[in-house]
Amino acid sequence: MSNRSHDEAMVELYRSNPLLALRVINGILADGDQAELMTVLRRLAHAAGGMQAVAEQARLKPTQLARTLSPKGNPPLSSLTAILKAMGLRLTVQPLPPRLHT
């Protein structure tokens, strides 16, 4: 039995399978759960080189990044895009599938 925490296990999983991380993030965005999104982005930051490295690339203080990616975090768009860019990601907008009218 491993002594790793769930967070550590998820960080390693996202590091080894970045496409899974993207699917998880997109699923969360579809559901709109912001606290869950912040938690996954924090884990992804750890997987993408660590909080210190992501904070430096996003031009944020590490404590600011930690607060931003906490479950209660509510980053402005400029901070969110900087953080995503530091992790090699970006936001995109896609059309919803057409609704069937009955």
PDB file of N, CA and C in Angstrom:
ATOM      1  N   MET A   1       0.832  -1.174   0.000  1.00  0.00           N
ATOM      2  CA  MET A   1       0.000   0.000   0.000  1.00  0.00           C
ATOM      3  C   MET A   1       0.882   1.245   0.000  1.00  0.00           C
ATOM      4  N   SER A   2       0.545   2.204  -0.792  1.00  0.00           N
ATOM      5  CA  SER A   2       1.341   3.415  -0.941  1.00  0.00           C
ATOM      6  C   SER A   2       0.977   4.440   0.123  1.00  0.00           C
ATOM      7  N   ASN A   3       1.941   5.253   0.498  1.00  0.00           N
ATOM      8  CA  ASN A   3       1.704   6.319   1.456  1.00  0.00           C
ATOM      9  C   ASN A   3       1.448   7.653   0.770  1.00  0.00           C
ATOM     10  N   ARG A   4       1.301   7.642  -0.553  1.00  0.00           N
ATOM     11  CA  ARG A   4       1.059   8.898  -1.276  1.00  0.00           C
ATOM     12  C   ARG A   4      -0.355   9.386  -1.027  1.00  0.00           C
ATOM     13  N   SER A   5      -0.490  10.699  -0.962  1.00  0.00           N
ATOM     14  CA  SER A   5      -1.821  11.277  -0.817  1.00  0.00           C
ATOM     15  C   SER A   5      -2.543  11.225  -2.161  1.00  0.00           C
ATOM     16  N   HIS A   6      -3.827  11.471  -2.104  1.00  0.00           N
ATOM     17  CA  HIS A   6      -4.619  11.523  -3.337  1.00  0.00           C
ATOM     18  C   HIS A   6      -4.084  12.618  -4.255  1.00  0.00           C
ATOM     19  N   ASP A   7      -3.784  13.788  -3.690  1.00  0.00           N
ATOM     20  CA  ASP A   7      -3.241  14.890  -4.499  1.00  0.00           C
ATOM     21  C   ASP A   7      -1.947  14.485  -5.192  1.00  0.00           C
ATOM     22  N   GLU A   8      -1.050  13.852  -4.455  1.00  0.00           N
ATOM     23  CA  GLU A   8       0.222  13.423  -5.046  1.00  0.00           C
ATOM     24  C   GLU A   8      -0.002  12.407  -6.165  1.00  0.00           C
ATOM     25  N   ALA A   9      -0.926  11.497  -5.944  1.00  0.00           N
ATOM     26  CA  ALA A   9      -1.233  10.495  -6.969  1.00  0.00           C
ATOM     27  C   ALA A   9      -1.799  11.158  -8.220  1.00  0.00           C
ATOM     28  N   MET A  10      -2.682  12.143  -8.029  1.00  0.00           N
ATOM     29  CA  MET A  10      -3.271  12.836  -9.176  1.00  0.00           C
ATOM     30  C   MET A  10      -2.222  13.667  -9.912  1.00  0.00           C
ATOM     31  N   VAL A  11      -1.330  14.316  -9.179  1.00  0.00           N
ATOM     32  CA  VAL A  11      -0.244  15.082  -9.818  1.00  0.00           C
ATOM     33  C   VAL A  11       0.578  14.157 -10.697  1.00  0.00           C
ATOM     34  N   GLU A  12       0.950  13.001 -10.181  1.00  0.00           N
ATOM     35  CA  GLU A  12       1.739  12.052 -10.967  1.00  0.00           C
ATOM     36  C   GLU A  12       0.960  11.552 -12.179  1.00  0.00           C
ATOM     37  N   LEU A  13      -0.327  11.297 -12.008  1.00  0.00           N
ATOM     38  CA  LEU A  13      -1.160  10.850 -13.121  1.00  0.00           C
ATOM     39  C   LEU A  13      -1.228  11.922 -14.205  1.00  0.00           C
ATOM     40  N   TYR A  14      -1.440  13.175 -13.808  1.00  0.00           N
ATOM     41  CA  TYR A  14      -1.505  14.268 -14.786  1.00  0.00           C
ATOM     42  C   TYR A  14      -0.155  14.481 -15.465  1.00  0.00           C
ATOM     43  N   ARG A  15       0.934  14.284 -14.717  1.00  0.00           N
ATOM     44  CA  ARG A  15       2.269  14.429 -15.297  1.00  0.00           C
ATOM     45  C   ARG A  15       2.503  13.353 -16.351  1.00  0.00           C
ATOM     46  N   SER A  16       2.051  12.138 -16.069  1.00  0.00           N
ATOM     47  CA  SER A  16       2.280  11.037 -17.004  1.00  0.00           C
ATOM     48  C   SER A  16       1.247  10.978 -18.126  1.00  0.00           C
ATOM     49  N   ASN A  17       0.086  11.628 -17.924  1.00  0.00           N
ATOM     50  CA  ASN A  17      -0.976  11.575 -18.919  1.00  0.00           C
ATOM     51  C   ASN A  17      -1.651  12.944 -19.045  1.00  0.00           C
ATOM     52  N   PRO A  18      -0.975  13.898 -19.704  1.00  0.00           N
ATOM     53  CA  PRO A  18      -1.538  15.252 -19.802  1.00  0.00           C
ATOM     54  C   PRO A  18      -2.882  15.302 -20.529  1.00  0.00           C
ATOM     55  N   LEU A  19      -3.134  14.388 -21.443  1.00  0.00           N
ATOM     56  CA  LEU A  19      -4.429  14.384 -22.131  1.00  0.00           C
ATOM     57  C   LEU A  19      -5.568  14.077 -21.167  1.00  0.00           C
ATOM     58  N   LEU A  20      -5.300  13.237 -20.177  1.00  0.00           N
ATOM     59  CA  LEU A  20      -6.307  12.961 -19.162  1.00  0.00           C
ATOM     60  C   LEU A  20      -6.625  14.237 -18.395  1.00  0.00           C
ATOM     61  N   ALA A  21      -5.595  14.986 -18.044  1.00  0.00           N
ATOM     62  CA  ALA A  21      -5.799  16.247 -17.324  1.00  0.00           C
ATOM     63  C   ALA A  21      -6.674  17.193 -18.135  1.00  0.00           C
ATOM     64  N   LEU A  22      -6.439  17.261 -19.435  1.00  0.00           N
ATOM     65  CA  LEU A  22      -7.246  18.132 -20.285  1.00  0.00           C
ATOM     66  C   LEU A  22      -8.705  17.674 -20.334  1.00  0.00           C
ATOM     67  N   ARG A  23      -8.910  16.369 -20.406  1.00  0.00           N
ATOM     68  CA  ARG A  23     -10.283  15.843 -20.404  1.00  0.00           C
ATOM     69  C   ARG A  23     -10.988  16.161 -19.086  1.00  0.00           C
ATOM     70  N   VAL A  24     -10.254  16.031 -17.989  1.00  0.00           N
ATOM     71  CA  VAL A  24     -10.836  16.337 -16.682  1.00  0.00           C
ATOM     72  C   VAL A  24     -11.199  17.816 -16.609  1.00  0.00           C
ATOM     73  N   ILE A  25     -10.300  18.693 -17.033  1.00  0.00           N
ATOM     74  CA  ILE A  25     -10.563  20.134 -17.000  1.00  0.00           C
ATOM     75  C   ILE A  25     -11.758  20.473 -17.876  1.00  0.00           C
ATOM     76  N   ASN A  26     -11.807  19.941 -19.068  1.00  0.00           N
ATOM     77  CA  ASN A  26     -12.938  20.238 -19.956  1.00  0.00           C
ATOM     78  C   ASN A  26     -14.251  19.701 -19.398  1.00  0.00           C
ATOM     79  N   GLY A  27     -14.206  18.567 -18.743  1.00  0.00           N
ATOM     80  CA  GLY A  27     -15.416  18.044 -18.102  1.00  0.00           C
ATOM     81  C   GLY A  27     -15.886  18.946 -16.977  1.00  0.00           C
ATOM     82  N   ILE A  28     -14.954  19.451 -16.198  1.00  0.00           N
ATOM     83  CA  ILE A  28     -15.304  20.370 -15.116  1.00  0.00           C
ATOM     84  C   ILE A  28     -15.874  21.657 -15.692  1.00  0.00           C
ATOM     85  N   LEU A  29     -15.260  22.168 -16.754  1.00  0.00           N
ATOM     86  CA  LEU A  29     -15.768  23.401 -17.368  1.00  0.00           C
ATOM     87  C   LEU A  29     -17.191  23.202 -17.887  1.00  0.00           C
ATOM     88  N   ALA A  30     -17.493  22.022 -18.380  1.00  0.00           N
ATOM     89  CA  ALA A  30     -18.845  21.747 -18.870  1.00  0.00           C
ATOM     90  C   ALA A  30     -19.858  21.745 -17.727  1.00  0.00           C
ATOM     91  N   ASP A  31     -19.411  21.305 -16.544  1.00  0.00           N
ATOM     92  CA  ASP A  31     -20.300  21.250 -15.383  1.00  0.00           C
ATOM     93  C   ASP A  31     -20.339  22.556 -14.604  1.00  0.00           C
ATOM     94  N   GLY A  32     -19.282  23.375 -14.733  1.00  0.00           N
ATOM     95  CA  GLY A  32     -19.256  24.669 -14.080  1.00  0.00           C
ATOM     96  C   GLY A  32     -18.903  24.666 -12.607  1.00  0.00           C
ATOM     97  N   ASP A  33     -18.186  23.675 -12.101  1.00  0.00           N
ATOM     98  CA  ASP A  33     -17.803  23.628 -10.692  1.00  0.00           C
ATOM     99  C   ASP A  33     -16.450  24.308 -10.510  1.00  0.00           C
ATOM    100  N   GLN A  34     -16.475  25.568 -10.083  1.00  0.00           N
ATOM    101  CA  GLN A  34     -15.252  26.366  -9.998  1.00  0.00           C
ATOM    102  C   GLN A  34     -14.280  25.841  -8.945  1.00  0.00           C
ATOM    103  N   ALA A  35     -14.770  25.413  -7.796  1.00  0.00           N
ATOM    104  CA  ALA A  35     -13.880  24.908  -6.748  1.00  0.00           C
ATOM    105  C   ALA A  35     -13.117  23.683  -7.243  1.00  0.00           C
ATOM    106  N   GLU A  36     -13.808  22.810  -7.936  1.00  0.00           N
ATOM    107  CA  GLU A  36     -13.160  21.614  -8.486  1.00  0.00           C
ATOM    108  C   GLU A  36     -12.145  21.996  -9.559  1.00  0.00           C
ATOM    109  N   LEU A  37     -12.485  22.983 -10.385  1.00  0.00           N
ATOM    110  CA  LEU A  37     -11.556  23.448 -11.416  1.00  0.00           C
ATOM    111  C   LEU A  37     -10.279  23.977 -10.782  1.00  0.00           C
ATOM    112  N   MET A  38     -10.401  24.787  -9.744  1.00  0.00           N
ATOM    113  CA  MET A  38      -9.218  25.350  -9.090  1.00  0.00           C
ATOM    114  C   MET A  38      -8.350  24.245  -8.502  1.00  0.00           C
ATOM    115  N   THR A  39      -8.982  23.224  -7.918  1.00  0.00           N
ATOM    116  CA  THR A  39      -8.240  22.104  -7.342  1.00  0.00           C
ATOM    117  C   THR A  39      -7.457  21.359  -8.420  1.00  0.00           C
ATOM    118  N   VAL A  40      -8.095  21.093  -9.551  1.00  0.00           N
ATOM    119  CA  VAL A  40      -7.411  20.379 -10.638  1.00  0.00           C
ATOM    120  C   VAL A  40      -6.299  21.248 -11.221  1.00  0.00           C
ATOM    121  N   LEU A  41      -6.538  22.546 -11.378  1.00  0.00           N
ATOM    122  CA  LEU A  41      -5.486  23.429 -11.899  1.00  0.00           C
ATOM    123  C   LEU A  41      -4.300  23.482 -10.943  1.00  0.00           C
ATOM    124  N   ARG A  42      -4.550  23.433  -9.636  1.00  0.00           N
ATOM    125  CA  ARG A  42      -3.448  23.406  -8.664  1.00  0.00           C
ATOM    126  C   ARG A  42      -2.623  22.128  -8.851  1.00  0.00           C
ATOM    127  N   ARG A  43      -3.309  20.998  -8.980  1.00  0.00           N
ATOM    128  CA  ARG A  43      -2.593  19.731  -9.201  1.00  0.00           C
ATOM    129  C   ARG A  43      -1.814  19.781 -10.507  1.00  0.00           C
ATOM    130  N   LEU A  44      -2.419  20.364 -11.520  1.00  0.00           N
ATOM    131  CA  LEU A  44      -1.745  20.471 -12.816  1.00  0.00           C
ATOM    132  C   LEU A  44      -0.524  21.383 -12.727  1.00  0.00           C
ATOM    133  N   ALA A  45      -0.608  22.435 -11.928  1.00  0.00           N
ATOM    134  CA  ALA A  45       0.554  23.310 -11.723  1.00  0.00           C
ATOM    135  C   ALA A  45       1.701  22.535 -11.088  1.00  0.00           C
ATOM    136  N   HIS A  46       1.380  21.689 -10.114  1.00  0.00           N
ATOM    137  CA  HIS A  46       2.417  20.841  -9.510  1.00  0.00           C
ATOM    138  C   HIS A  46       3.012  19.907 -10.555  1.00  0.00           C
ATOM    139  N   ALA A  47       2.168  19.361 -11.421  1.00  0.00           N
ATOM    140  CA  ALA A  47       2.638  18.443 -12.458  1.00  0.00           C
ATOM    141  C   ALA A  47       3.451  19.149 -13.534  1.00  0.00           C
ATOM    142  N   ALA A  48       3.201  20.447 -13.719  1.00  0.00           N
ATOM    143  CA  ALA A  48       3.862  21.209 -14.785  1.00  0.00           C
ATOM    144  C   ALA A  48       5.140  21.893 -14.305  1.00  0.00           C
ATOM    145  N   GLY A  49       5.757  21.361 -13.279  1.00  0.00           N
ATOM    146  CA  GLY A  49       7.028  21.922 -12.826  1.00  0.00           C
ATOM    147  C   GLY A  49       6.996  22.493 -11.431  1.00  0.00           C
ATOM    148  N   GLY A  50       5.839  22.538 -10.821  1.00  0.00           N
ATOM    149  CA  GLY A  50       5.735  23.022  -9.455  1.00  0.00           C
ATOM    150  C   GLY A  50       5.156  24.420  -9.362  1.00  0.00           C
ATOM    151  N   MET A  51       4.640  24.728  -8.201  1.00  0.00           N
ATOM    152  CA  MET A  51       3.985  26.019  -7.976  1.00  0.00           C
ATOM    153  C   MET A  51       4.955  27.181  -8.164  1.00  0.00           C
ATOM    154  N   GLN A  52       6.183  27.036  -7.673  1.00  0.00           N
ATOM    155  CA  GLN A  52       7.173  28.108  -7.796  1.00  0.00           C
ATOM    156  C   GLN A  52       7.440  28.431  -9.269  1.00  0.00           C
ATOM    157  N   ALA A  53       7.670  27.413 -10.077  1.00  0.00           N
ATOM    158  CA  ALA A  53       7.968  27.619 -11.498  1.00  0.00           C
ATOM    159  C   ALA A  53       6.779  28.230 -12.228  1.00  0.00           C
ATOM    160  N   VAL A  54       5.580  27.733 -11.965  1.00  0.00           N
ATOM    161  CA  VAL A  54       4.383  28.269 -12.626  1.00  0.00           C
ATOM    162  C   VAL A  54       4.158  29.715 -12.194  1.00  0.00           C
ATOM    163  N   ALA A  55       4.336  29.993 -10.908  1.00  0.00           N
ATOM    164  CA  ALA A  55       4.159  31.360 -10.412  1.00  0.00           C
ATOM    165  C   ALA A  55       5.134  32.313 -11.109  1.00  0.00           C
ATOM    166  N   GLU A  56       6.383  31.911 -11.227  1.00  0.00           N
ATOM    167  CA  GLU A  56       7.377  32.767 -11.890  1.00  0.00           C
ATOM    168  C   GLU A  56       7.001  33.035 -13.341  1.00  0.00           C
ATOM    169  N   GLN A  57       6.605  31.987 -14.059  1.00  0.00           N
ATOM    170  CA  GLN A  57       6.252  32.157 -15.470  1.00  0.00           C
ATOM    171  C   GLN A  57       4.980  32.982 -15.642  1.00  0.00           C
ATOM    172  N   ALA A  58       4.072  32.898 -14.668  1.00  0.00           N
ATOM    173  CA  ALA A  58       2.827  33.661 -14.744  1.00  0.00           C
ATOM    174  C   ALA A  58       2.995  35.063 -14.155  1.00  0.00           C
ATOM    175  N   ARG A  59       4.197  35.358 -13.666  1.00  0.00           N
ATOM    176  CA  ARG A  59       4.512  36.644 -13.038  1.00  0.00           C
ATOM    177  C   ARG A  59       3.621  36.913 -11.830  1.00  0.00           C
ATOM    178  N   LEU A  60       3.481  35.863 -11.006  1.00  0.00           N
ATOM    179  CA  LEU A  60       2.736  35.944  -9.758  1.00  0.00           C
ATOM    180  C   LEU A  60       3.647  35.509  -8.622  1.00  0.00           C
ATOM    181  N   LYS A  61       3.331  35.939  -7.415  1.00  0.00           N
ATOM    182  CA  LYS A  61       4.033  35.442  -6.242  1.00  0.00           C
ATOM    183  C   LYS A  61       3.487  34.051  -5.943  1.00  0.00           C
ATOM    184  N   PRO A  62       4.334  33.149  -5.446  1.00  0.00           N
ATOM    185  CA  PRO A  62       3.851  31.795  -5.142  1.00  0.00           C
ATOM    186  C   PRO A  62       2.647  31.780  -4.207  1.00  0.00           C
ATOM    187  N   THR A  63       2.625  32.667  -3.215  1.00  0.00           N
ATOM    188  CA  THR A  63       1.474  32.706  -2.313  1.00  0.00           C
ATOM    189  C   THR A  63       0.214  33.165  -3.050  1.00  0.00           C
ATOM    190  N   GLN A  64       0.386  34.088  -3.997  1.00  0.00           N
ATOM    191  CA  GLN A  64      -0.751  34.558  -4.791  1.00  0.00           C
ATOM    192  C   GLN A  64      -1.287  33.415  -5.657  1.00  0.00           C
ATOM    193  N   LEU A  65      -0.383  32.651  -6.248  1.00  0.00           N
ATOM    194  CA  LEU A  65      -0.798  31.506  -7.062  1.00  0.00           C
ATOM    195  C   LEU A  65      -1.528  30.479  -6.201  1.00  0.00           C
ATOM    196  N   ALA A  66      -0.998  30.212  -5.016  1.00  0.00           N
ATOM    197  CA  ALA A  66      -1.642  29.234  -4.123  1.00  0.00           C
ATOM    198  C   ALA A  66      -3.050  29.689  -3.745  1.00  0.00           C
ATOM    199  N   ARG A  67      -3.226  30.965  -3.434  1.00  0.00           N
ATOM    200  CA  ARG A  67      -4.567  31.473  -3.108  1.00  0.00           C
ATOM    201  C   ARG A  67      -5.486  31.411  -4.317  1.00  0.00           C
ATOM    202  N   THR A  68      -4.948  31.766  -5.475  1.00  0.00           N
ATOM    203  CA  THR A  68      -5.745  31.769  -6.700  1.00  0.00           C
ATOM    204  C   THR A  68      -6.245  30.379  -7.034  1.00  0.00           C
ATOM    205  N   LEU A  69      -5.401  29.372  -6.831  1.00  0.00           N
ATOM    206  CA  LEU A  69      -5.769  28.002  -7.183  1.00  0.00           C
ATOM    207  C   LEU A  69      -6.316  27.215  -6.004  1.00  0.00           C
ATOM    208  N   SER A  70      -6.764  27.917  -4.977  1.00  0.00           N
ATOM    209  CA  SER A  70      -7.428  27.247  -3.866  1.00  0.00           C
ATOM    210  C   SER A  70      -8.885  26.999  -4.268  1.00  0.00           C
ATOM    211  N   PRO A  71      -9.582  26.095  -3.599  1.00  0.00           N
ATOM    212  CA  PRO A  71     -10.989  25.845  -3.952  1.00  0.00           C
ATOM    213  C   PRO A  71     -11.863  27.102  -3.912  1.00  0.00           C
ATOM    214  N   LYS A  72     -11.475  28.093  -3.109  1.00  0.00           N
ATOM    215  CA  LYS A  72     -12.241  29.335  -3.037  1.00  0.00           C
ATOM    216  C   LYS A  72     -11.687  30.410  -3.967  1.00  0.00           C
ATOM    217  N   GLY A  73     -10.669  30.056  -4.757  1.00  0.00           N
ATOM    218  CA  GLY A  73     -10.057  31.018  -5.664  1.00  0.00           C
ATOM    219  C   GLY A  73     -11.037  31.504  -6.726  1.00  0.00           C
ATOM    220  N   ASN A  74     -10.905  32.764  -7.070  1.00  0.00           N
ATOM    221  CA  ASN A  74     -11.764  33.373  -8.082  1.00  0.00           C
ATOM    222  C   ASN A  74     -10.904  34.326  -8.913  1.00  0.00           C
ATOM    223  N   PRO A  75      -9.996  33.754  -9.724  1.00  0.00           N
ATOM    224  CA  PRO A  75      -9.020  34.604 -10.413  1.00  0.00           C
ATOM    225  C   PRO A  75      -9.653  35.450 -11.511  1.00  0.00           C
ATOM    226  N   PRO A  76      -9.121  36.673 -11.672  1.00  0.00           N
ATOM    227  CA  PRO A  76      -9.541  37.443 -12.843  1.00  0.00           C
ATOM    228  C   PRO A  76      -9.042  36.741 -14.107  1.00  0.00           C
ATOM    229  N   LEU A  77      -9.664  37.037 -15.209  1.00  0.00           N
ATOM    230  CA  LEU A  77      -9.310  36.389 -16.467  1.00  0.00           C
ATOM    231  C   LEU A  77      -7.825  36.563 -16.792  1.00  0.00           C
ATOM    232  N   SER A  78      -7.273  37.736 -16.522  1.00  0.00           N
ATOM    233  CA  SER A  78      -5.859  37.978 -16.831  1.00  0.00           C
ATOM    234  C   SER A  78      -4.950  37.036 -16.046  1.00  0.00           C
ATOM    235  N   SER A  79      -5.258  36.797 -14.778  1.00  0.00           N
ATOM    236  CA  SER A  79      -4.452  35.866 -13.978  1.00  0.00           C
ATOM    237  C   SER A  79      -4.645  34.436 -14.446  1.00  0.00           C
ATOM    238  N   LEU A  80      -5.884  34.064 -14.719  1.00  0.00           N
ATOM    239  CA  LEU A  80      -6.153  32.703 -15.175  1.00  0.00           C
ATOM    240  C   LEU A  80      -5.440  32.407 -16.485  1.00  0.00           C
ATOM    241  N   THR A  81      -5.482  33.331 -17.425  1.00  0.00           N
ATOM    242  CA  THR A  81      -4.816  33.091 -18.711  1.00  0.00           C
ATOM    243  C   THR A  81      -3.297  33.045 -18.534  1.00  0.00           C
ATOM    244  N   ALA A  82      -2.747  33.857 -17.633  1.00  0.00           N
ATOM    245  CA  ALA A  82      -1.305  33.821 -17.384  1.00  0.00           C
ATOM    246  C   ALA A  82      -0.899  32.486 -16.759  1.00  0.00           C
ATOM    247  N   ILE A  83      -1.700  31.997 -15.837  1.00  0.00           N
ATOM    248  CA  ILE A  83      -1.411  30.714 -15.196  1.00  0.00           C
ATOM    249  C   ILE A  83      -1.506  29.582 -16.210  1.00  0.00           C
ATOM    250  N   LEU A  84      -2.552  29.580 -16.998  1.00  0.00           N
ATOM    251  CA  LEU A  84      -2.700  28.545 -18.024  1.00  0.00           C
ATOM    252  C   LEU A  84      -1.556  28.586 -19.016  1.00  0.00           C
ATOM    253  N   LYS A  85      -1.171  29.784 -19.445  1.00  0.00           N
ATOM    254  CA  LYS A  85      -0.060  29.920 -20.395  1.00  0.00           C
ATOM    255  C   LYS A  85       1.236  29.376 -19.794  1.00  0.00           C
ATOM    256  N   ALA A  86       1.451  29.627 -18.510  1.00  0.00           N
ATOM    257  CA  ALA A  86       2.651  29.120 -17.843  1.00  0.00           C
ATOM    258  C   ALA A  86       2.675  27.588 -17.830  1.00  0.00           C
ATOM    259  N   MET A  87       1.488  26.970 -17.910  1.00  0.00           N
ATOM    260  CA  MET A  87       1.399  25.506 -17.935  1.00  0.00           C
ATOM    261  C   MET A  87       1.254  24.974 -19.357  1.00  0.00           C
ATOM    262  N   GLY A  88       1.393  25.860 -20.349  1.00  0.00           N
ATOM    263  CA  GLY A  88       1.290  25.430 -21.742  1.00  0.00           C
ATOM    264  C   GLY A  88      -0.135  25.227 -22.217  1.00  0.00           C
ATOM    265  N   LEU A  89      -1.085  25.927 -21.594  1.00  0.00           N
ATOM    266  CA  LEU A  89      -2.500  25.788 -21.942  1.00  0.00           C
ATOM    267  C   LEU A  89      -3.091  27.148 -22.292  1.00  0.00           C
ATOM    268  N   ARG A  90      -4.305  27.125 -22.841  1.00  0.00           N
ATOM    269  CA  ARG A  90      -5.037  28.354 -23.103  1.00  0.00           C
ATOM    270  C   ARG A  90      -6.524  28.059 -23.071  1.00  0.00           C
ATOM    271  N   LEU A  91      -7.287  29.109 -22.849  1.00  0.00           N
ATOM    272  CA  LEU A  91      -8.743  28.991 -22.893  1.00  0.00           C
ATOM    273  C   LEU A  91      -9.201  29.056 -24.336  1.00  0.00           C
ATOM    274  N   THR A  92     -10.230  28.319 -24.646  1.00  0.00           N
ATOM    275  CA  THR A  92     -10.849  28.413 -25.964  1.00  0.00           C
ATOM    276  C   THR A  92     -12.363  28.403 -25.786  1.00  0.00           C
ATOM    277  N   VAL A  93     -13.029  28.880 -26.800  1.00  0.00           N
ATOM    278  CA  VAL A  93     -14.488  28.892 -26.804  1.00  0.00           C
ATOM    279  C   VAL A  93     -14.947  28.023 -27.970  1.00  0.00           C
ATOM    280  N   GLN A  94     -15.917  27.166 -27.700  1.00  0.00           N
ATOM    281  CA  GLN A  94     -16.445  26.288 -28.733  1.00  0.00           C
ATOM    282  C   GLN A  94     -17.959  26.403 -28.737  1.00  0.00           C
ATOM    283  N   PRO A  95     -18.570  26.233 -29.900  1.00  0.00           N
ATOM    284  CA  PRO A  95     -20.024  26.280 -29.927  1.00  0.00           C
ATOM    285  C   PRO A  95     -20.615  25.036 -29.268  1.00  0.00           C
ATOM    286  N   LEU A  96     -21.776  25.224 -28.666  1.00  0.00           N
ATOM    287  CA  LEU A  96     -22.503  24.084 -28.125  1.00  0.00           C
ATOM    288  C   LEU A  96     -23.129  23.315 -29.271  1.00  0.00           C
ATOM    289  N   PRO A  97     -23.358  22.037 -29.085  1.00  0.00           N
ATOM    290  CA  PRO A  97     -24.065  21.295 -30.140  1.00  0.00           C
ATOM    291  C   PRO A  97     -25.466  21.876 -30.317  1.00  0.00           C
ATOM    292  N   PRO A  98     -25.988  21.835 -31.508  1.00  0.00           N
ATOM    293  CA  PRO A  98     -27.334  22.388 -31.717  1.00  0.00           C
ATOM    294  C   PRO A  98     -28.364  21.623 -30.898  1.00  0.00           C
ATOM    295  N   ARG A  99     -29.328  22.367 -30.405  1.00  0.00           N
ATOM    296  CA  ARG A  99     -30.414  21.742 -29.630  1.00  0.00           C
ATOM    297  C   ARG A  99     -31.449  21.218 -30.600  1.00  0.00           C
ATOM    298  N   LEU A 100     -31.979  20.085 -30.262  1.00  0.00           N
ATOM    299  CA  LEU A 100     -33.074  19.526 -31.060  1.00  0.00           C
ATOM    300  C   LEU A 100     -34.377  20.083 -30.513  1.00  0.00           C
ATOM    301  N   HIS A 101     -35.173  20.643 -31.350  1.00  0.00           N
ATOM    302  CA  HIS A 101     -36.467  21.177 -30.942  1.00  0.00           C
ATOM    303  C   HIS A 101     -37.531  20.109 -31.126  1.00  0.00           C
ATOM    304  N   THR A 102     -38.312  19.889 -30.094  1.00  0.00           N
ATOM    305  CA  THR A 102     -39.366  18.870 -30.185  1.00  0.00           C
ATOM    306  C   THR A 102     -40.724  19.506 -30.061  1.00  0.00           C
TER     307      THR A 102
END
